[in-house]
Amino acid sequence: MALKGASFTLPFFLGFALFTAVPMVMALKESLYTEKGSGLGFGAKTVEFVGLDNFVQGFSDGRFWASMLRVALFAVISIPLIQVASVGLALLLDASAQRVADRFRIPLLVPYMIPGIVATLIWIYLYSPAVGPLTPFLALFGIEADFYSGELIWVSIGNLMAWSGIGFNMLIVYAALRSVDAGVYDAARIDGASEWRIAWSIKVPLVRRSLVLTTVLSIIGTLQIFSDPMLFKSMAPETVTRDFTPIMSIYDWAFQQGNFNYAAALSVILALVVGAASALFYRLTNKAPTS
């Protein structure tokens, strides 16, 4: 019986091995080599083993680490805001009647169902000062907003990520809230606790594990952000540069400059940073609450 249950995980492990583990091993192998041209660059290139030279260059690459810091600061601001909005919506749904919650649950999840590229294109149109509706609407109130400027580009990207991510996080938190025994809330009400007190002191602590899960997923996704700024780059190349995010820097080294070995080293470094950040957050939050 246990073997039959475990067999349901087989597709996941096959996909993980094929699309995650194997590429990671290949990237680690490629990062230990480099291509060198002979003569004045007209001869055939040779592949040479250089050991950790690519990693030494990567750890001293100021532009790469600047992009890492840029995305890290964005994550520190955007992830808590998205989590607060997700928890707030989940608490509102949980406090509503089941009939009302069923009506709003799916519409709130619709943005997450839309493919990321499609969602980005929609928002690029909305942000456009030439054809989009947001710029003339804000102009009615005397507000001049250039959503592609250096001051607002991260706000534009953050709004897009919040629009698509809040519904997913909300659904996970809401599911955790629905699994809590209603008798816990009834006992609190008998003791005179208000609904706000119940939400803050009972509901939120009981869904802590779900909040940790969604936050870890958000950390992983945000540090690896690529498609959103890449599409914004087509509209604002002077703001969104080729090394605007770590993944964009890796993409540039691999497919624009043709240095796949160094790009592989940077990808391994990024994987280590993402893993360390996620593990650190999990370790800091995965502690039993004190009574």
Protein backbone atom coordinates (compact mmCIF):
# COMPACT_ATOMS: atom_id res chain seq x y z
CA MET A 1 0.00 0.00 0.00
CA ALA A 2 2.84 2.36 0.89
CA LEU A 3 4.54 1.54 -2.41
CA LYS A 4 1.38 2.43 -4.34
CA GLY A 5 1.17 5.74 -2.53
CA ALA A 6 4.83 6.50 -3.19
CA SER A 7 4.34 5.77 -6.89
CA PHE A 8 2.28 8.96 -7.20
CA THR A 9 5.46 10.94 -6.51
CA LEU A 10 7.32 9.25 -9.36
CA PRO A 11 6.37 11.86 -12.03
CA PHE A 12 7.64 14.64 -9.77
CA PHE A 13 10.97 12.96 -9.11
CA LEU A 14 11.42 12.16 -12.80
CA GLY A 15 10.73 15.78 -13.72
CA PHE A 16 13.01 17.02 -10.94
CA ALA A 17 15.84 14.76 -12.07
CA LEU A 18 15.42 15.61 -15.75
CA PHE A 19 14.86 19.36 -15.54
CA THR A 20 16.66 20.32 -12.31
CA ALA A 21 19.25 17.81 -11.09
CA VAL A 22 20.76 16.93 -14.47
CA PRO A 23 21.05 20.59 -15.64
CA MET A 24 22.67 21.49 -12.31
CA VAL A 25 25.29 18.77 -12.74
CA MET A 26 25.91 19.85 -16.33
CA ALA A 27 26.24 23.51 -15.27
CA LEU A 28 28.69 22.58 -12.53
CA LYS A 29 30.77 20.61 -15.03
CA GLU A 30 30.77 23.41 -17.63
CA SER A 31 31.77 25.96 -15.00
CA LEU A 32 35.11 24.22 -14.57
CA TYR A 33 36.13 24.79 -18.20
CA THR A 34 36.60 27.72 -20.55
CA GLU A 35 36.99 28.24 -24.28
CA LYS A 36 40.16 29.89 -25.53
CA GLY A 37 40.94 31.01 -29.06
CA SER A 38 44.31 30.37 -30.67
CA GLY A 39 46.47 32.89 -32.51
CA LEU A 40 44.74 36.22 -33.15
CA GLY A 41 41.30 34.73 -32.70
CA PHE A 42 41.00 33.27 -36.19
CA GLY A 43 41.91 29.73 -35.17
CA ALA A 44 39.68 27.08 -33.69
CA LYS A 45 38.75 27.46 -30.05
CA THR A 46 39.94 24.92 -27.52
CA VAL A 47 38.27 23.92 -24.28
CA GLU A 48 40.59 24.00 -21.28
CA PHE A 49 40.11 22.98 -17.68
CA VAL A 50 40.46 26.03 -15.43
CA GLY A 51 39.18 24.68 -12.13
CA LEU A 52 37.60 27.38 -9.98
CA ASP A 53 38.78 30.34 -12.07
CA ASN A 54 35.25 31.08 -13.32
CA PHE A 55 33.98 31.10 -9.74
CA VAL A 56 36.76 33.43 -8.61
CA GLN A 57 35.81 35.79 -11.44
CA GLY A 58 32.12 35.47 -10.56
CA PHE A 59 32.62 36.27 -6.86
CA SER A 60 34.57 39.39 -7.86
CA ASP A 61 32.14 40.48 -10.60
CA GLY A 62 30.85 43.82 -9.33
CA ARG A 63 28.07 44.15 -11.91
CA PHE A 64 26.69 40.70 -11.11
CA TRP A 65 26.63 41.37 -7.36
CA ALA A 66 25.12 44.80 -7.95
CA SER A 67 22.22 43.09 -9.72
CA MET A 68 21.99 40.61 -6.84
CA LEU A 69 21.78 43.45 -4.32
CA ARG A 70 19.22 45.24 -6.48
CA VAL A 71 16.93 42.21 -6.53
CA ALA A 72 17.54 41.47 -2.84
CA LEU A 73 16.39 44.96 -1.84
CA PHE A 74 13.34 44.55 -4.06
CA ALA A 75 12.56 41.21 -2.38
CA VAL A 76 12.88 42.70 1.12
CA ILE A 77 10.23 45.28 0.26
CA SER A 78 7.89 43.39 -2.07
CA ILE A 79 7.61 39.99 -0.38
CA PRO A 80 6.31 41.30 3.00
CA LEU A 81 3.79 43.55 1.23
CA ILE A 82 2.52 40.65 -0.89
CA GLN A 83 2.33 38.38 2.16
CA VAL A 84 0.38 40.94 4.20
CA ALA A 85 -2.10 41.39 1.36
CA SER A 86 -2.43 37.61 0.92
CA VAL A 87 -3.05 37.00 4.62
CA GLY A 88 -5.52 39.88 4.76
CA LEU A 89 -7.56 38.48 1.89
CA ALA A 90 -7.41 34.97 3.33
CA LEU A 91 -8.68 36.23 6.69
CA LEU A 92 -11.50 38.13 5.01
CA LEU A 93 -12.55 35.04 3.07
CA ASP A 94 -12.36 32.89 6.20
CA ALA A 95 -14.52 35.37 8.12
CA SER A 96 -17.11 35.47 5.33
CA ALA A 97 -19.91 33.04 4.78
CA GLN A 98 -18.95 29.98 2.75
CA ARG A 99 -21.24 31.07 -0.10
CA VAL A 100 -19.48 34.46 -0.32
CA ALA A 101 -16.03 32.93 -0.04
CA ASP A 102 -16.74 30.52 -2.89
CA ARG A 103 -17.72 33.43 -5.15
CA PHE A 104 -14.51 35.41 -4.56
CA ARG A 105 -11.96 32.59 -4.21
CA ILE A 106 -11.66 31.73 -7.90
CA PRO A 107 -11.69 35.34 -9.23
CA LEU A 108 -8.84 36.21 -6.85
CA LEU A 109 -6.87 33.27 -8.25
CA VAL A 110 -7.44 34.15 -11.91
CA PRO A 111 -4.35 36.44 -12.20
CA TYR A 112 -2.13 33.54 -11.10
CA MET A 113 -3.65 31.33 -13.80
CA ILE A 114 -2.66 33.75 -16.56
CA PRO A 115 0.76 32.87 -18.07
CA GLY A 116 3.50 35.20 -16.85
CA ILE A 117 4.47 36.41 -20.33
CA VAL A 118 0.86 37.26 -21.17
CA ALA A 119 0.38 39.09 -17.87
CA THR A 120 3.58 41.10 -18.43
CA LEU A 121 2.49 42.11 -21.92
CA ILE A 122 -0.87 43.24 -20.56
CA TRP A 123 0.75 45.41 -17.92
CA ILE A 124 3.31 46.80 -20.38
CA TYR A 125 0.35 48.01 -22.44
CA LEU A 126 -1.34 49.49 -19.35
CA TYR A 127 1.88 51.27 -18.35
CA SER A 128 2.56 52.64 -21.83
CA PRO A 129 2.46 56.48 -21.86
CA ALA A 130 1.45 56.43 -25.53
CA VAL A 131 -1.47 53.97 -25.62
CA GLY A 132 -2.01 52.85 -22.02
CA PRO A 133 -4.90 54.21 -19.90
CA LEU A 134 -2.99 54.73 -16.64
CA THR A 135 -0.89 57.73 -17.67
CA PRO A 136 -3.82 59.88 -18.94
CA PHE A 137 -5.96 58.80 -15.97
CA LEU A 138 -3.34 59.96 -13.45
CA ALA A 139 -2.87 63.15 -15.49
CA LEU A 140 -6.47 64.07 -14.63
CA PHE A 141 -5.31 64.46 -11.03
CA GLY A 142 -2.16 66.34 -11.98
CA ILE A 143 0.11 63.31 -11.51
CA GLU A 144 2.83 62.75 -14.09
CA ALA A 145 3.96 59.14 -13.87
CA ASP A 146 6.48 57.44 -16.12
CA PHE A 147 6.17 53.78 -15.20
CA TYR A 148 9.31 52.97 -17.22
CA SER A 149 11.55 55.47 -15.42
CA GLY A 150 14.28 54.48 -13.01
CA GLU A 151 12.22 55.75 -10.08
CA LEU A 152 9.13 53.67 -10.89
CA ILE A 153 10.39 50.63 -12.79
CA TRP A 154 10.60 48.47 -9.67
CA VAL A 155 7.16 49.71 -8.58
CA SER A 156 5.82 48.62 -11.98
CA ILE A 157 7.45 45.20 -11.72
CA GLY A 158 6.39 44.82 -8.10
CA ASN A 159 2.78 45.64 -8.92
CA LEU A 160 2.85 42.98 -11.64
CA MET A 161 4.28 40.38 -9.26
CA ALA A 162 1.73 41.28 -6.57
CA TRP A 163 -1.12 41.09 -9.06
CA SER A 164 -0.14 37.56 -10.09
CA GLY A 165 1.15 36.23 -6.76
CA ILE A 166 -1.30 37.41 -4.12
CA GLY A 167 -4.04 35.02 -5.23
CA PHE A 168 -1.79 31.95 -5.06
CA ASN A 169 -0.49 32.78 -1.57
CA MET A 170 -3.99 33.68 -0.43
CA LEU A 171 -5.35 30.30 -1.51
CA ILE A 172 -2.67 28.39 0.43
CA VAL A 173 -3.26 30.43 3.59
CA TYR A 174 -7.03 30.17 3.19
CA ALA A 175 -6.79 26.38 2.86
CA ALA A 176 -4.75 26.27 6.07
CA LEU A 177 -7.35 28.40 7.85
CA ARG A 178 -10.17 26.12 6.75
CA SER A 179 -8.36 23.10 8.19
CA VAL A 180 -8.39 24.58 11.72
CA ASP A 181 -11.05 23.18 14.06
CA ALA A 182 -13.81 25.78 14.41
CA GLY A 183 -14.08 24.86 18.09
CA VAL A 184 -10.85 26.76 18.75
CA TYR A 185 -12.49 29.98 17.55
CA ASP A 186 -15.70 29.28 19.48
CA ALA A 187 -13.73 28.79 22.69
CA ALA A 188 -11.98 32.12 22.13
CA ARG A 189 -15.29 33.90 21.56
CA ILE A 190 -16.69 32.41 24.77
CA ASP A 191 -13.66 33.84 26.57
CA GLY A 192 -14.55 37.27 25.18
CA ALA A 193 -11.99 37.56 22.37
CA SER A 194 -12.93 39.90 19.55
CA GLU A 195 -12.72 38.86 15.89
CA TRP A 196 -9.59 40.99 15.46
CA ARG A 197 -8.00 39.31 18.50
CA ILE A 198 -8.91 35.88 17.14
CA ALA A 199 -7.41 36.70 13.76
CA TRP A 200 -4.15 38.11 15.14
CA SER A 201 -3.55 35.80 18.12
CA ILE A 202 -5.05 32.53 16.87
CA LYS A 203 -5.51 32.36 13.12
CA VAL A 204 -2.21 33.89 12.01
CA PRO A 205 -0.05 31.76 14.38
CA LEU A 206 -1.90 28.59 13.33
CA VAL A 207 -1.08 29.18 9.64
CA ARG A 208 2.59 30.03 10.32
CA ARG A 209 3.84 27.00 8.39
CA SER A 210 1.85 28.01 5.33
CA LEU A 211 3.25 31.52 5.60
CA VAL A 212 6.78 30.13 5.79
CA LEU A 213 6.13 27.98 2.73
CA THR A 214 4.74 30.81 0.60
CA THR A 215 7.53 33.15 1.72
CA VAL A 216 10.24 30.65 0.80
CA LEU A 217 8.63 30.18 -2.61
CA SER A 218 8.50 33.96 -3.01
CA ILE A 219 12.19 34.30 -2.09
CA ILE A 220 13.14 31.68 -4.66
CA GLY A 221 10.99 33.25 -7.37
CA THR A 222 11.99 36.85 -6.70
CA LEU A 223 15.75 36.25 -6.65
CA GLN A 224 15.38 34.48 -10.00
CA ILE A 225 13.13 37.07 -11.64
CA PHE A 226 13.74 37.19 -15.39
CA SER A 227 10.77 37.33 -17.76
CA ASP A 228 9.18 40.46 -16.29
CA PRO A 229 12.23 42.78 -16.47
CA MET A 230 13.31 41.18 -19.75
CA LEU A 231 10.08 42.28 -21.41
CA PHE A 232 10.26 45.68 -19.72
CA LYS A 233 13.73 46.03 -21.25
CA SER A 234 12.17 46.27 -24.70
CA MET A 235 10.25 49.37 -23.58
CA ALA A 236 12.89 50.97 -21.36
CA PRO A 237 16.37 49.80 -22.43
CA GLU A 238 17.99 52.80 -20.76
CA THR A 239 16.48 51.77 -17.41
CA VAL A 240 16.45 47.98 -17.58
CA THR A 241 20.02 47.13 -18.55
CA ARG A 242 21.35 43.77 -19.65
CA ASP A 243 22.53 42.99 -16.10
CA PHE A 244 19.48 44.42 -14.33
CA THR A 245 18.89 41.12 -12.49
CA PRO A 246 21.22 38.14 -11.87
CA ILE A 247 19.37 35.92 -14.34
CA MET A 248 19.52 38.63 -17.01
CA SER A 249 23.27 38.90 -16.42
CA ILE A 250 23.65 35.14 -16.80
CA TYR A 251 21.52 35.20 -19.96
CA ASP A 252 23.67 37.98 -21.41
CA TRP A 253 26.92 36.12 -20.75
CA ALA A 254 25.54 32.89 -22.23
CA PHE A 255 23.59 34.01 -25.29
CA GLN A 256 24.85 37.50 -26.10
CA GLN A 257 28.54 37.16 -25.32
CA GLY A 258 28.76 33.42 -25.90
CA ASN A 259 30.62 32.60 -22.69
CA PHE A 260 28.61 29.59 -21.55
CA ASN A 261 31.24 28.43 -19.07
CA TYR A 262 31.26 31.67 -17.11
CA ALA A 263 27.45 31.84 -17.31
CA ALA A 264 27.31 28.33 -15.84
CA ALA A 265 29.54 29.44 -12.94
CA LEU A 266 27.28 32.44 -12.29
CA SER A 267 24.22 30.19 -12.35
CA VAL A 268 25.80 27.92 -9.73
CA ILE A 269 26.62 30.94 -7.57
CA LEU A 270 23.05 32.19 -7.90
CA ALA A 271 21.72 28.75 -6.94
CA LEU A 272 23.90 28.81 -3.82
CA VAL A 273 22.67 32.29 -2.88
CA VAL A 274 19.01 31.35 -3.40
CA GLY A 275 19.45 28.13 -1.43
CA ALA A 276 21.26 29.92 1.40
CA ALA A 277 18.66 32.70 1.60
CA SER A 278 15.77 30.22 1.64
CA ALA A 279 17.46 27.96 4.21
CA LEU A 280 18.31 30.92 6.45
CA PHE A 281 14.75 32.22 6.38
CA TYR A 282 13.36 28.73 7.06
CA ARG A 283 15.75 28.23 9.95
CA LEU A 284 14.88 31.60 11.50
CA THR A 285 11.14 31.04 11.23
CA ASN A 286 10.87 27.29 11.81
CA LYS A 287 11.03 27.57 15.57
CA ALA A 288 8.35 26.48 17.96
CA PRO A 289 6.44 29.52 19.19
CA THR A 290 7.00 30.30 22.82
CA SER A 291 3.98 30.29 25.08
